[in-house]
Amino acid sequence: MLRADPGGDRQGRTRVWSSNRRWVMGGNDAALIEELRAGREDALEELIRRHEGRLMAFLRRRIADVQTCEDLLEEVFIGFLNALPNFDAGRTSVETFLFRIARNKLVDELRRRQRAAEAVAASTELAARQGGARTVTASSVARRAESWHRRAELIARILGGLIAEWKRSGQWERLKCAELLFACGWPNKKVATVLGISEQAVANHKSFILSKLRQADRR
């Protein structure tokens, strides 16, 4: 159980910690408050004995870590002692007031944890971006430009060979499709309308041409 240290800490606050000592005091919470205001240490122990169980259960339902809950419980009773001079037992019950403090302490703790989690997530994301970032240099740009240039030459050579073959074999429909699709950049539907063929026929021609280009690119 928690008990009070009349000596307090360096900041003059009453310390509260675990103890197995039990002291039974008669009367209700209002009488207990008067004893507390009179400075009786055993009155604080009785206050803790009466309310620590329900307060701890309230905290444990929301935070699994026992040590954190015990720390928060201690802060609840310290907060109550700090507010004792202004506490009006005629307007608010001791239990209600203690649970209000506990709720505030709990919200503060959950917000602190959320901020910590967000900070860790942001730090991890930043590290991932920095670690995965690629340094751009003049040489890397030149290499990429050279690669694209080689691919463009390859595509032009393959298309040139296909066009020559289509002309020899009289595949004028495929030749016209290739021109409208790749040279003019028209969509399948427009090509089909202009040539008077189905969109499926256009799609078949397009698929054939792209397959030839992919085969050449893999070589």
N, C-alpha and C. Protein backbone atom coordinates (compact mmCIF):
# COMPACT_ATOMS: atom_id res chain seq x y z
N MET A 1 0.84 -1.19 0.00
CA MET A 1 0.00 0.00 0.00
C MET A 1 0.88 1.24 0.00
N LEU A 2 0.33 2.36 -0.42
CA LEU A 2 1.06 3.61 -0.43
C LEU A 2 0.98 4.26 0.94
N ARG A 3 2.03 4.98 1.32
CA ARG A 3 1.98 5.73 2.57
C ARG A 3 2.70 7.05 2.36
N ALA A 4 2.53 7.97 3.30
CA ALA A 4 3.08 9.31 3.16
C ALA A 4 4.38 9.44 3.91
N ASP A 5 5.27 10.27 3.38
CA ASP A 5 6.51 10.61 4.05
C ASP A 5 6.39 12.05 4.52
N PRO A 6 6.26 12.29 5.82
CA PRO A 6 6.05 13.67 6.30
C PRO A 6 7.22 14.58 5.99
N GLY A 7 8.41 14.00 5.71
CA GLY A 7 9.56 14.84 5.42
C GLY A 7 9.47 15.49 4.06
N GLY A 8 8.79 14.81 3.10
CA GLY A 8 8.65 15.36 1.76
C GLY A 8 9.92 15.21 0.96
N ASP A 9 9.89 15.71 -0.30
CA ASP A 9 11.06 15.65 -1.15
C ASP A 9 11.74 17.01 -1.18
N ARG A 10 12.72 17.17 -2.06
CA ARG A 10 13.49 18.41 -2.10
C ARG A 10 12.66 19.60 -2.54
N GLN A 11 11.55 19.32 -3.23
CA GLN A 11 10.69 20.41 -3.68
C GLN A 11 9.56 20.68 -2.69
N GLY A 12 9.60 20.03 -1.53
CA GLY A 12 8.62 20.29 -0.51
C GLY A 12 7.32 19.54 -0.69
N ARG A 13 7.26 18.56 -1.65
CA ARG A 13 6.04 17.82 -1.85
C ARG A 13 6.03 16.58 -0.97
N THR A 14 4.85 16.15 -0.55
CA THR A 14 4.74 14.93 0.24
C THR A 14 5.00 13.74 -0.65
N ARG A 15 5.87 12.82 -0.23
CA ARG A 15 6.15 11.63 -1.00
C ARG A 15 5.19 10.53 -0.61
N VAL A 16 4.87 9.67 -1.59
CA VAL A 16 3.97 8.55 -1.35
C VAL A 16 4.62 7.31 -1.91
N TRP A 17 4.66 6.21 -1.14
CA TRP A 17 5.25 4.99 -1.66
C TRP A 17 4.57 3.78 -1.05
N SER A 18 5.04 2.56 -1.43
CA SER A 18 4.39 1.33 -1.01
C SER A 18 4.71 0.99 0.44
N SER A 19 3.72 0.38 1.10
CA SER A 19 3.90 -0.08 2.46
C SER A 19 2.84 -1.12 2.76
N ASN A 20 3.13 -2.04 3.64
CA ASN A 20 2.14 -3.04 4.03
C ASN A 20 1.35 -2.62 5.27
N ARG A 21 1.66 -1.46 5.80
CA ARG A 21 1.01 -1.01 7.02
C ARG A 21 -0.46 -0.70 6.77
N ARG A 22 -1.32 -1.04 7.70
CA ARG A 22 -2.75 -0.75 7.61
C ARG A 22 -3.19 0.01 8.87
N TRP A 23 -3.99 1.04 8.65
CA TRP A 23 -4.52 1.79 9.77
C TRP A 23 -5.98 2.06 9.47
N VAL A 24 -6.85 1.69 10.34
CA VAL A 24 -8.28 1.83 10.11
C VAL A 24 -8.79 3.04 10.85
N MET A 25 -9.49 3.89 10.13
CA MET A 25 -10.01 5.12 10.72
C MET A 25 -11.51 5.17 10.50
N GLY A 26 -12.25 5.48 11.49
CA GLY A 26 -13.69 5.57 11.35
C GLY A 26 -14.10 6.85 10.67
N GLY A 27 -15.39 6.94 10.33
CA GLY A 27 -15.91 8.16 9.73
C GLY A 27 -15.86 8.13 8.22
N ASN A 28 -16.49 9.14 7.62
CA ASN A 28 -16.55 9.21 6.16
C ASN A 28 -15.38 10.02 5.61
N ASP A 29 -15.41 10.24 4.29
CA ASP A 29 -14.31 10.96 3.66
C ASP A 29 -14.23 12.41 4.12
N ALA A 30 -15.37 13.00 4.43
CA ALA A 30 -15.35 14.39 4.88
C ALA A 30 -14.57 14.53 6.18
N ALA A 31 -14.79 13.57 7.10
CA ALA A 31 -14.04 13.59 8.35
C ALA A 31 -12.56 13.32 8.09
N LEU A 32 -12.30 12.46 7.11
CA LEU A 32 -10.92 12.14 6.76
C LEU A 32 -10.19 13.37 6.22
N ILE A 33 -10.90 14.18 5.45
CA ILE A 33 -10.30 15.40 4.90
C ILE A 33 -9.89 16.34 6.03
N GLU A 34 -10.74 16.44 7.04
CA GLU A 34 -10.40 17.31 8.17
C GLU A 34 -9.15 16.81 8.88
N GLU A 35 -9.03 15.49 9.00
CA GLU A 35 -7.83 14.92 9.62
C GLU A 35 -6.60 15.21 8.76
N LEU A 36 -6.77 15.13 7.44
CA LEU A 36 -5.66 15.43 6.53
C LEU A 36 -5.21 16.87 6.68
N ARG A 37 -6.17 17.76 6.76
CA ARG A 37 -5.85 19.18 6.89
C ARG A 37 -5.20 19.49 8.24
N ALA A 38 -5.46 18.61 9.19
CA ALA A 38 -4.82 18.78 10.49
C ALA A 38 -3.40 18.24 10.50
N GLY A 39 -3.01 17.61 9.37
CA GLY A 39 -1.63 17.15 9.25
C GLY A 39 -1.38 15.76 9.75
N ARG A 40 -2.41 14.93 9.91
CA ARG A 40 -2.22 13.58 10.41
C ARG A 40 -1.77 12.65 9.28
N GLU A 41 -0.61 12.05 9.45
CA GLU A 41 -0.07 11.15 8.43
C GLU A 41 -0.94 9.92 8.26
N ASP A 42 -1.48 9.39 9.36
CA ASP A 42 -2.29 8.19 9.25
C ASP A 42 -3.59 8.45 8.49
N ALA A 43 -4.02 9.71 8.43
CA ALA A 43 -5.21 10.04 7.64
C ALA A 43 -4.93 9.87 6.15
N LEU A 44 -3.73 10.24 5.73
CA LEU A 44 -3.35 10.05 4.33
C LEU A 44 -3.29 8.57 3.99
N GLU A 45 -2.75 7.78 4.92
CA GLU A 45 -2.69 6.34 4.68
C GLU A 45 -4.08 5.74 4.56
N GLU A 46 -5.00 6.23 5.35
CA GLU A 46 -6.37 5.73 5.26
C GLU A 46 -7.03 6.15 3.94
N LEU A 47 -6.76 7.37 3.51
CA LEU A 47 -7.28 7.83 2.22
C LEU A 47 -6.79 6.92 1.09
N ILE A 48 -5.50 6.61 1.14
CA ILE A 48 -4.92 5.74 0.11
C ILE A 48 -5.53 4.35 0.18
N ARG A 49 -5.67 3.83 1.40
CA ARG A 49 -6.23 2.49 1.57
C ARG A 49 -7.62 2.39 0.99
N ARG A 50 -8.42 3.44 1.16
CA ARG A 50 -9.80 3.41 0.70
C ARG A 50 -9.92 3.46 -0.83
N HIS A 51 -9.02 4.15 -1.48
CA HIS A 51 -9.25 4.46 -2.90
C HIS A 51 -8.22 3.88 -3.87
N GLU A 52 -7.09 3.38 -3.37
CA GLU A 52 -6.04 2.97 -4.30
C GLU A 52 -6.47 1.79 -5.18
N GLY A 53 -7.27 0.87 -4.67
CA GLY A 53 -7.66 -0.31 -5.44
C GLY A 53 -8.45 0.06 -6.69
N ARG A 54 -9.49 0.89 -6.51
CA ARG A 54 -10.32 1.26 -7.66
C ARG A 54 -9.55 2.15 -8.63
N LEU A 55 -8.71 3.02 -8.09
CA LEU A 55 -7.92 3.88 -8.97
C LEU A 55 -6.92 3.06 -9.80
N MET A 56 -6.28 2.09 -9.15
CA MET A 56 -5.34 1.25 -9.87
C MET A 56 -6.04 0.43 -10.95
N ALA A 57 -7.22 -0.09 -10.64
CA ALA A 57 -7.98 -0.85 -11.64
C ALA A 57 -8.34 0.04 -12.83
N PHE A 58 -8.71 1.28 -12.55
CA PHE A 58 -9.04 2.24 -13.61
C PHE A 58 -7.83 2.47 -14.52
N LEU A 59 -6.66 2.65 -13.93
CA LEU A 59 -5.45 2.90 -14.71
C LEU A 59 -5.02 1.65 -15.48
N ARG A 60 -5.13 0.47 -14.84
CA ARG A 60 -4.68 -0.76 -15.48
C ARG A 60 -5.55 -1.13 -16.68
N ARG A 61 -6.79 -0.69 -16.69
CA ARG A 61 -7.65 -0.98 -17.85
C ARG A 61 -7.17 -0.25 -19.10
N ARG A 62 -6.38 0.78 -18.91
CA ARG A 62 -5.95 1.60 -20.04
C ARG A 62 -4.45 1.51 -20.31
N ILE A 63 -3.68 1.14 -19.30
CA ILE A 63 -2.23 0.99 -19.47
C ILE A 63 -1.82 -0.34 -18.85
N ALA A 64 -1.14 -1.17 -19.64
CA ALA A 64 -0.80 -2.52 -19.18
C ALA A 64 0.40 -2.52 -18.23
N ASP A 65 1.30 -1.56 -18.40
CA ASP A 65 2.53 -1.54 -17.61
C ASP A 65 2.23 -1.20 -16.15
N VAL A 66 2.54 -2.14 -15.25
CA VAL A 66 2.22 -1.97 -13.83
C VAL A 66 3.02 -0.82 -13.23
N GLN A 67 4.31 -0.74 -13.56
CA GLN A 67 5.15 0.30 -12.99
C GLN A 67 4.64 1.69 -13.35
N THR A 68 4.23 1.86 -14.60
CA THR A 68 3.68 3.15 -15.02
C THR A 68 2.41 3.48 -14.25
N CYS A 69 1.56 2.48 -14.06
CA CYS A 69 0.31 2.70 -13.31
C CYS A 69 0.60 3.07 -11.86
N GLU A 70 1.58 2.43 -11.26
CA GLU A 70 1.94 2.77 -9.88
C GLU A 70 2.47 4.20 -9.79
N ASP A 71 3.26 4.59 -10.77
CA ASP A 71 3.77 5.97 -10.79
C ASP A 71 2.63 6.97 -10.94
N LEU A 72 1.68 6.64 -11.82
CA LEU A 72 0.54 7.53 -12.02
C LEU A 72 -0.32 7.60 -10.76
N LEU A 73 -0.49 6.46 -10.09
CA LEU A 73 -1.28 6.42 -8.86
C LEU A 73 -0.65 7.31 -7.80
N GLU A 74 0.65 7.25 -7.71
CA GLU A 74 1.36 8.11 -6.75
C GLU A 74 1.14 9.58 -7.09
N GLU A 75 1.19 9.90 -8.39
CA GLU A 75 0.98 11.28 -8.81
C GLU A 75 -0.45 11.74 -8.51
N VAL A 76 -1.40 10.81 -8.56
CA VAL A 76 -2.79 11.16 -8.26
C VAL A 76 -2.92 11.64 -6.82
N PHE A 77 -2.34 10.89 -5.88
CA PHE A 77 -2.46 11.28 -4.47
C PHE A 77 -1.64 12.52 -4.15
N ILE A 78 -0.50 12.67 -4.83
CA ILE A 78 0.27 13.90 -4.65
C ILE A 78 -0.53 15.09 -5.17
N GLY A 79 -1.18 14.89 -6.33
CA GLY A 79 -2.03 15.96 -6.88
C GLY A 79 -3.18 16.30 -5.95
N PHE A 80 -3.74 15.28 -5.30
CA PHE A 80 -4.83 15.53 -4.36
C PHE A 80 -4.35 16.36 -3.17
N LEU A 81 -3.17 16.01 -2.65
CA LEU A 81 -2.63 16.76 -1.51
C LEU A 81 -2.35 18.21 -1.90
N ASN A 82 -1.85 18.41 -3.12
CA ASN A 82 -1.57 19.78 -3.57
C ASN A 82 -2.85 20.60 -3.70
N ALA A 83 -3.95 19.90 -4.08
CA ALA A 83 -5.23 20.60 -4.27
C ALA A 83 -6.06 20.66 -2.99
N LEU A 84 -5.59 20.02 -1.93
CA LEU A 84 -6.37 19.90 -0.70
C LEU A 84 -6.82 21.24 -0.12
N PRO A 85 -5.98 22.29 -0.13
CA PRO A 85 -6.43 23.56 0.46
C PRO A 85 -7.68 24.13 -0.21
N ASN A 86 -7.88 23.83 -1.50
CA ASN A 86 -9.03 24.38 -2.22
C ASN A 86 -10.14 23.35 -2.43
N PHE A 87 -9.97 22.15 -1.88
CA PHE A 87 -10.97 21.11 -2.09
C PHE A 87 -12.19 21.37 -1.21
N ASP A 88 -13.38 21.29 -1.84
CA ASP A 88 -14.64 21.50 -1.14
C ASP A 88 -15.40 20.18 -1.10
N ALA A 89 -15.36 19.51 0.05
CA ALA A 89 -16.02 18.21 0.18
C ALA A 89 -17.52 18.31 0.07
N GLY A 90 -18.07 19.51 0.26
CA GLY A 90 -19.51 19.68 0.16
C GLY A 90 -20.01 19.70 -1.28
N ARG A 91 -19.12 19.97 -2.23
CA ARG A 91 -19.52 20.07 -3.63
C ARG A 91 -19.09 18.85 -4.45
N THR A 92 -17.98 18.25 -4.08
CA THR A 92 -17.45 17.11 -4.84
C THR A 92 -16.99 16.03 -3.87
N SER A 93 -17.32 14.79 -4.18
CA SER A 93 -16.86 13.70 -3.32
C SER A 93 -15.37 13.47 -3.54
N VAL A 94 -14.74 12.90 -2.53
CA VAL A 94 -13.31 12.62 -2.62
C VAL A 94 -13.03 11.66 -3.78
N GLU A 95 -13.86 10.64 -3.91
CA GLU A 95 -13.65 9.66 -4.97
C GLU A 95 -13.76 10.30 -6.35
N THR A 96 -14.77 11.13 -6.55
CA THR A 96 -14.93 11.81 -7.84
C THR A 96 -13.73 12.68 -8.14
N PHE A 97 -13.24 13.38 -7.12
CA PHE A 97 -12.10 14.27 -7.31
C PHE A 97 -10.84 13.48 -7.63
N LEU A 98 -10.65 12.36 -6.95
CA LEU A 98 -9.48 11.52 -7.21
C LEU A 98 -9.51 10.94 -8.62
N PHE A 99 -10.69 10.49 -9.06
CA PHE A 99 -10.79 9.94 -10.40
C PHE A 99 -10.61 11.01 -11.47
N ARG A 100 -11.01 12.24 -11.15
CA ARG A 100 -10.78 13.33 -12.09
C ARG A 100 -9.29 13.58 -12.27
N ILE A 101 -8.56 13.55 -11.16
CA ILE A 101 -7.10 13.72 -11.23
C ILE A 101 -6.48 12.55 -11.99
N ALA A 102 -6.95 11.33 -11.69
CA ALA A 102 -6.42 10.14 -12.36
C ALA A 102 -6.65 10.20 -13.86
N ARG A 103 -7.84 10.67 -14.24
CA ARG A 103 -8.15 10.77 -15.67
C ARG A 103 -7.21 11.77 -16.35
N ASN A 104 -6.96 12.89 -15.70
CA ASN A 104 -6.05 13.89 -16.27
C ASN A 104 -4.63 13.35 -16.39
N LYS A 105 -4.18 12.64 -15.35
CA LYS A 105 -2.84 12.05 -15.40
C LYS A 105 -2.74 11.02 -16.51
N LEU A 106 -3.81 10.24 -16.67
CA LEU A 106 -3.83 9.21 -17.70
C LEU A 106 -3.78 9.83 -19.10
N VAL A 107 -4.57 10.88 -19.31
CA VAL A 107 -4.58 11.55 -20.61
C VAL A 107 -3.20 12.12 -20.92
N ASP A 108 -2.56 12.72 -19.92
CA ASP A 108 -1.21 13.27 -20.13
C ASP A 108 -0.23 12.17 -20.53
N GLU A 109 -0.33 11.01 -19.86
CA GLU A 109 0.57 9.90 -20.16
C GLU A 109 0.33 9.35 -21.56
N LEU A 110 -0.93 9.20 -21.94
CA LEU A 110 -1.24 8.67 -23.28
C LEU A 110 -0.80 9.64 -24.37
N ARG A 111 -0.97 10.93 -24.11
CA ARG A 111 -0.51 11.92 -25.08
C ARG A 111 1.01 11.90 -25.20
N ARG A 112 1.68 11.74 -24.06
CA ARG A 112 3.15 11.67 -24.09
C ARG A 112 3.61 10.47 -24.90
N ARG A 113 2.93 9.33 -24.71
CA ARG A 113 3.29 8.13 -25.47
C ARG A 113 3.03 8.31 -26.96
N GLN A 114 1.92 8.98 -27.28
CA GLN A 114 1.61 9.20 -28.69
C GLN A 114 2.65 10.10 -29.34
N ARG A 115 3.05 11.16 -28.63
CA ARG A 115 4.08 12.04 -29.18
C ARG A 115 5.39 11.29 -29.37
N ALA A 116 5.72 10.43 -28.41
CA ALA A 116 6.96 9.66 -28.51
C ALA A 116 6.90 8.70 -29.70
N ALA A 117 5.73 8.05 -29.89
CA ALA A 117 5.57 7.12 -31.01
C ALA A 117 5.66 7.86 -32.34
N GLU A 118 5.04 9.04 -32.41
CA GLU A 118 5.09 9.83 -33.65
C GLU A 118 6.51 10.29 -33.94
N ALA A 119 7.24 10.64 -32.89
CA ALA A 119 8.62 11.07 -33.09
C ALA A 119 9.48 9.93 -33.61
N VAL A 120 9.27 8.73 -33.05
CA VAL A 120 10.02 7.56 -33.51
C VAL A 120 9.67 7.23 -34.96
N ALA A 121 8.36 7.29 -35.29
CA ALA A 121 7.94 7.00 -36.66
C ALA A 121 8.52 7.99 -37.65
N ALA A 122 8.50 9.28 -37.27
CA ALA A 122 9.05 10.31 -38.15
C ALA A 122 10.55 10.12 -38.34
N SER A 123 11.23 9.78 -37.24
CA SER A 123 12.67 9.56 -37.32
C SER A 123 13.00 8.36 -38.20
N THR A 124 12.20 7.29 -38.06
CA THR A 124 12.42 6.09 -38.87
C THR A 124 12.19 6.37 -40.35
N GLU A 125 11.11 7.12 -40.63
CA GLU A 125 10.80 7.45 -42.02
C GLU A 125 11.89 8.31 -42.64
N LEU A 126 12.38 9.28 -41.86
CA LEU A 126 13.44 10.15 -42.36
C LEU A 126 14.71 9.36 -42.63
N ALA A 127 15.03 8.45 -41.70
CA ALA A 127 16.23 7.63 -41.88
C ALA A 127 16.11 6.75 -43.12
N ALA A 128 14.89 6.21 -43.33
CA ALA A 128 14.67 5.36 -44.50
C ALA A 128 14.83 6.16 -45.78
N ARG A 129 14.30 7.37 -45.77
CA ARG A 129 14.42 8.21 -46.97
C ARG A 129 15.88 8.57 -47.24
N GLN A 130 16.57 8.93 -46.17
CA GLN A 130 17.97 9.31 -46.35
C GLN A 130 18.81 8.11 -46.77
N GLY A 131 18.50 6.96 -46.17
CA GLY A 131 19.27 5.77 -46.50
C GLY A 131 19.02 5.30 -47.92
N GLY A 132 17.76 5.50 -48.39
CA GLY A 132 17.42 5.03 -49.73
C GLY A 132 17.63 6.08 -50.80
N ALA A 133 18.01 7.29 -50.39
CA ALA A 133 18.19 8.35 -51.37
C ALA A 133 19.40 8.07 -52.25
N ARG A 134 19.29 8.39 -53.54
CA ARG A 134 20.38 8.17 -54.47
C ARG A 134 21.02 9.50 -54.79
N THR A 135 22.33 9.55 -54.67
CA THR A 135 23.06 10.78 -54.96
C THR A 135 23.09 11.02 -56.46
N VAL A 136 22.67 12.21 -56.86
CA VAL A 136 22.67 12.57 -58.28
C VAL A 136 23.96 13.31 -58.60
N THR A 137 24.69 12.76 -59.55
CA THR A 137 25.94 13.39 -59.98
C THR A 137 25.91 13.56 -61.49
N ALA A 138 26.87 14.32 -62.00
CA ALA A 138 26.94 14.53 -63.44
C ALA A 138 27.16 13.22 -64.18
N SER A 139 27.98 12.34 -63.59
CA SER A 139 28.26 11.07 -64.25
C SER A 139 27.03 10.17 -64.29
N SER A 140 26.22 10.18 -63.18
CA SER A 140 25.02 9.34 -63.16
C SER A 140 24.00 9.83 -64.17
N VAL A 141 23.87 11.14 -64.31
CA VAL A 141 22.95 11.70 -65.31
C VAL A 141 23.41 11.32 -66.71
N ALA A 142 24.71 11.40 -66.94
CA ALA A 142 25.25 11.06 -68.26
C ALA A 142 25.02 9.59 -68.59
N ARG A 143 25.22 8.71 -67.58
CA ARG A 143 25.00 7.29 -67.81
C ARG A 143 23.54 7.00 -68.14
N ARG A 144 22.63 7.66 -67.40
CA ARG A 144 21.21 7.43 -67.67
C ARG A 144 20.83 7.93 -69.05
N ALA A 145 21.33 9.09 -69.44
CA ALA A 145 21.03 9.64 -70.77
C ALA A 145 21.55 8.71 -71.86
N GLU A 146 22.74 8.16 -71.64
CA GLU A 146 23.31 7.23 -72.62
C GLU A 146 22.47 5.97 -72.74
N SER A 147 21.95 5.49 -71.58
CA SER A 147 21.12 4.29 -71.60
C SER A 147 19.83 4.53 -72.37
N TRP A 148 19.19 5.67 -72.12
CA TRP A 148 17.95 5.99 -72.84
C TRP A 148 18.22 6.17 -74.33
N HIS A 149 19.36 6.73 -74.67
CA HIS A 149 19.71 6.92 -76.08
C HIS A 149 19.85 5.57 -76.78
N ARG A 150 20.50 4.62 -76.12
CA ARG A 150 20.66 3.29 -76.70
C ARG A 150 19.32 2.61 -76.89
N ARG A 151 18.42 2.77 -75.90
CA ARG A 151 17.10 2.14 -76.02
C ARG A 151 16.30 2.77 -77.15
N ALA A 152 16.40 4.09 -77.29
CA ALA A 152 15.67 4.76 -78.38
C ALA A 152 16.15 4.28 -79.74
N GLU A 153 17.46 4.11 -79.87
CA GLU A 153 18.01 3.60 -81.13
C GLU A 153 17.53 2.18 -81.41
N LEU A 154 17.47 1.37 -80.35
CA LEU A 154 17.01 -0.01 -80.50
C LEU A 154 15.56 -0.05 -80.95
N ILE A 155 14.71 0.77 -80.31
CA ILE A 155 13.29 0.80 -80.66
C ILE A 155 13.11 1.25 -82.11
N ALA A 156 13.84 2.28 -82.50
CA ALA A 156 13.73 2.77 -83.88
C ALA A 156 14.16 1.70 -84.88
N ARG A 157 15.21 0.96 -84.54
CA ARG A 157 15.69 -0.09 -85.45
C ARG A 157 14.67 -1.22 -85.57
N ILE A 158 14.08 -1.62 -84.42
CA ILE A 158 13.10 -2.71 -84.44
C ILE A 158 11.85 -2.29 -85.21
N LEU A 159 11.36 -1.07 -84.93
CA LEU A 159 10.17 -0.60 -85.65
C LEU A 159 10.44 -0.49 -87.15
N GLY A 160 11.65 -0.03 -87.48
CA GLY A 160 12.00 0.07 -88.91
C GLY A 160 11.95 -1.28 -89.59
N GLY A 161 12.46 -2.31 -88.91
CA GLY A 161 12.43 -3.65 -89.48
C GLY A 161 11.01 -4.18 -89.62
N LEU A 162 10.16 -3.91 -88.60
CA LEU A 162 8.77 -4.36 -88.65
C LEU A 162 8.01 -3.67 -89.78
N ILE A 163 8.23 -2.37 -89.92
CA ILE A 163 7.54 -1.61 -90.97
C ILE A 163 7.91 -2.14 -92.36
N ALA A 164 9.20 -2.41 -92.54
CA ALA A 164 9.65 -2.94 -93.84
C ALA A 164 9.00 -4.29 -94.12
N GLU A 165 8.91 -5.13 -93.08
CA GLU A 165 8.29 -6.45 -93.25
C GLU A 165 6.81 -6.33 -93.58
N TRP A 166 6.10 -5.39 -92.88
CA TRP A 166 4.67 -5.23 -93.12
C TRP A 166 4.41 -4.73 -94.55
N LYS A 167 5.29 -3.86 -95.03
CA LYS A 167 5.13 -3.35 -96.40
C LYS A 167 5.31 -4.48 -97.42
N ARG A 168 6.31 -5.33 -97.17
CA ARG A 168 6.56 -6.43 -98.10
C ARG A 168 5.40 -7.42 -98.13
N SER A 169 4.81 -7.65 -96.93
CA SER A 169 3.73 -8.64 -96.84
C SER A 169 2.34 -8.03 -97.01
N GLY A 170 2.28 -6.71 -97.20
CA GLY A 170 1.00 -6.05 -97.41
C GLY A 170 0.13 -5.92 -96.16
N GLN A 171 0.75 -5.86 -94.97
CA GLN A 171 -0.01 -5.71 -93.72
C GLN A 171 -0.25 -4.23 -93.44
N TRP A 172 -1.08 -3.63 -94.31
CA TRP A 172 -1.28 -2.18 -94.24
C TRP A 172 -2.06 -1.77 -92.99
N GLU A 173 -2.98 -2.60 -92.57
CA GLU A 173 -3.76 -2.26 -91.37
C GLU A 173 -2.86 -2.15 -90.15
N ARG A 174 -1.96 -3.12 -89.99
CA ARG A 174 -1.04 -3.08 -88.85
C ARG A 174 -0.09 -1.90 -88.97
N LEU A 175 0.33 -1.59 -90.19
CA LEU A 175 1.23 -0.46 -90.41
C LEU A 175 0.54 0.86 -90.03
N LYS A 176 -0.71 1.02 -90.45
CA LYS A 176 -1.44 2.24 -90.11
C LYS A 176 -1.69 2.34 -88.60
N CYS A 177 -2.00 1.20 -87.98
CA CYS A 177 -2.20 1.19 -86.52
C CYS A 177 -0.94 1.65 -85.79
N ALA A 178 0.21 1.12 -86.23
CA ALA A 178 1.47 1.48 -85.59
C ALA A 178 1.74 2.98 -85.72
N GLU A 179 1.46 3.53 -86.89
CA GLU A 179 1.70 4.95 -87.12
C GLU A 179 0.81 5.82 -86.23
N LEU A 180 -0.49 5.47 -86.19
CA LEU A 180 -1.42 6.29 -85.40
C LEU A 180 -1.21 6.11 -83.89
N LEU A 181 -0.87 4.89 -83.47
CA LEU A 181 -0.69 4.63 -82.04
C LEU A 181 0.60 5.24 -81.51
N PHE A 182 1.71 5.01 -82.22
CA PHE A 182 3.02 5.36 -81.67
C PHE A 182 3.57 6.68 -82.20
N ALA A 183 3.26 7.00 -83.46
CA ALA A 183 3.75 8.26 -84.01
C ALA A 183 2.83 9.42 -83.63
N CYS A 184 1.51 9.17 -83.72
CA CYS A 184 0.54 10.24 -83.41
C CYS A 184 0.09 10.22 -81.95
N GLY A 185 0.27 9.07 -81.28
CA GLY A 185 -0.12 8.98 -79.87
C GLY A 185 -1.62 8.91 -79.65
N TRP A 186 -2.35 8.39 -80.64
CA TRP A 186 -3.81 8.32 -80.51
C TRP A 186 -4.21 7.15 -79.60
N PRO A 187 -5.36 7.28 -78.93
CA PRO A 187 -5.88 6.16 -78.14
C PRO A 187 -6.49 5.09 -79.05
N ASN A 188 -6.67 3.90 -78.49
CA ASN A 188 -7.19 2.77 -79.28
C ASN A 188 -8.53 3.09 -79.93
N LYS A 189 -9.42 3.74 -79.18
CA LYS A 189 -10.77 4.00 -79.68
C LYS A 189 -10.74 4.90 -80.91
N LYS A 190 -9.91 5.93 -80.88
CA LYS A 190 -9.84 6.86 -82.00
C LYS A 190 -9.24 6.18 -83.23
N VAL A 191 -8.21 5.36 -83.01
CA VAL A 191 -7.60 4.62 -84.12
C VAL A 191 -8.62 3.70 -84.76
N ALA A 192 -9.40 3.00 -83.92
CA ALA A 192 -10.42 2.07 -84.43
C ALA A 192 -11.46 2.81 -85.26
N THR A 193 -11.87 4.00 -84.82
CA THR A 193 -12.87 4.77 -85.54
C THR A 193 -12.34 5.23 -86.90
N VAL A 194 -11.11 5.74 -86.92
CA VAL A 194 -10.53 6.25 -88.16
C VAL A 194 -10.31 5.14 -89.18
N LEU A 195 -9.84 3.98 -88.71
CA LEU A 195 -9.53 2.88 -89.63
C LEU A 195 -10.75 2.01 -89.92
N GLY A 196 -11.83 2.21 -89.16
CA GLY A 196 -13.04 1.43 -89.39
C GLY A 196 -12.91 -0.02 -88.96
N ILE A 197 -12.14 -0.24 -87.89
CA ILE A 197 -11.98 -1.60 -87.36
C ILE A 197 -12.38 -1.60 -85.88
N SER A 198 -12.43 -2.76 -85.27
CA SER A 198 -12.83 -2.84 -83.87
C SER A 198 -11.68 -2.43 -82.94
N GLU A 199 -12.06 -2.02 -81.75
CA GLU A 199 -11.04 -1.68 -80.75
C GLU A 199 -10.20 -2.90 -80.39
N GLN A 200 -10.83 -4.09 -80.42
CA GLN A 200 -10.09 -5.31 -80.12
C GLN A 200 -9.00 -5.56 -81.15
N ALA A 201 -9.31 -5.26 -82.42
CA ALA A 201 -8.31 -5.44 -83.48
C ALA A 201 -7.13 -4.49 -83.26
N VAL A 202 -7.44 -3.25 -82.87
CA VAL A 202 -6.38 -2.28 -82.57
C VAL A 202 -5.54 -2.77 -81.39
N ALA A 203 -6.22 -3.27 -80.35
CA ALA A 203 -5.51 -3.77 -79.17
C ALA A 203 -4.60 -4.94 -79.53
N ASN A 204 -5.06 -5.79 -80.44
CA ASN A 204 -4.24 -6.94 -80.86
C ASN A 204 -2.99 -6.47 -81.60
N HIS A 205 -3.15 -5.50 -82.50
CA HIS A 205 -1.99 -4.96 -83.21
C HIS A 205 -1.00 -4.33 -82.23
N LYS A 206 -1.53 -3.57 -81.28
CA LYS A 206 -0.68 -2.89 -80.30
C LYS A 206 0.07 -3.91 -79.44
N SER A 207 -0.62 -4.96 -79.01
CA SER A 207 0.00 -5.98 -78.19
C SER A 207 1.12 -6.69 -78.95
N PHE A 208 0.88 -6.96 -80.23
CA PHE A 208 1.89 -7.62 -81.06
C PHE A 208 3.15 -6.77 -81.18
N ILE A 209 2.96 -5.47 -81.44
CA ILE A 209 4.10 -4.57 -81.61
C ILE A 209 4.89 -4.45 -80.31
N LEU A 210 4.18 -4.28 -79.19
CA LEU A 210 4.86 -4.14 -77.89
C LEU A 210 5.61 -5.41 -77.51
N SER A 211 5.05 -6.56 -77.84
CA SER A 211 5.74 -7.82 -77.52
C SER A 211 7.05 -7.92 -78.30
N LYS A 212 7.05 -7.47 -79.56
CA LYS A 212 8.28 -7.48 -80.35
C LYS A 212 9.33 -6.55 -79.75
N LEU A 213 8.88 -5.38 -79.28
CA LEU A 213 9.81 -4.43 -78.68
C LEU A 213 10.38 -4.97 -77.37
N ARG A 214 9.53 -5.62 -76.55
CA ARG A 214 10.02 -6.18 -75.29
C ARG A 214 11.02 -7.31 -75.53
N GLN A 215 10.74 -8.14 -76.52
CA GLN A 215 11.67 -9.22 -76.85
C GLN A 215 13.03 -8.67 -77.26
N ALA A 216 13.02 -7.61 -78.05
CA ALA A 216 14.28 -7.02 -78.50
C ALA A 216 15.01 -6.35 -77.34
N ASP A 217 14.25 -5.76 -76.40
CA ASP A 217 14.86 -5.05 -75.27
C ASP A 217 15.54 -6.02 -74.32
N ARG A 218 15.04 -7.27 -74.25
CA ARG A 218 15.62 -8.25 -73.33
C ARG A 218 16.88 -8.89 -73.88
N ARG A 219 17.13 -8.74 -75.15
CA ARG A 219 18.30 -9.38 -75.76
C ARG A 219 19.59 -8.64 -75.41
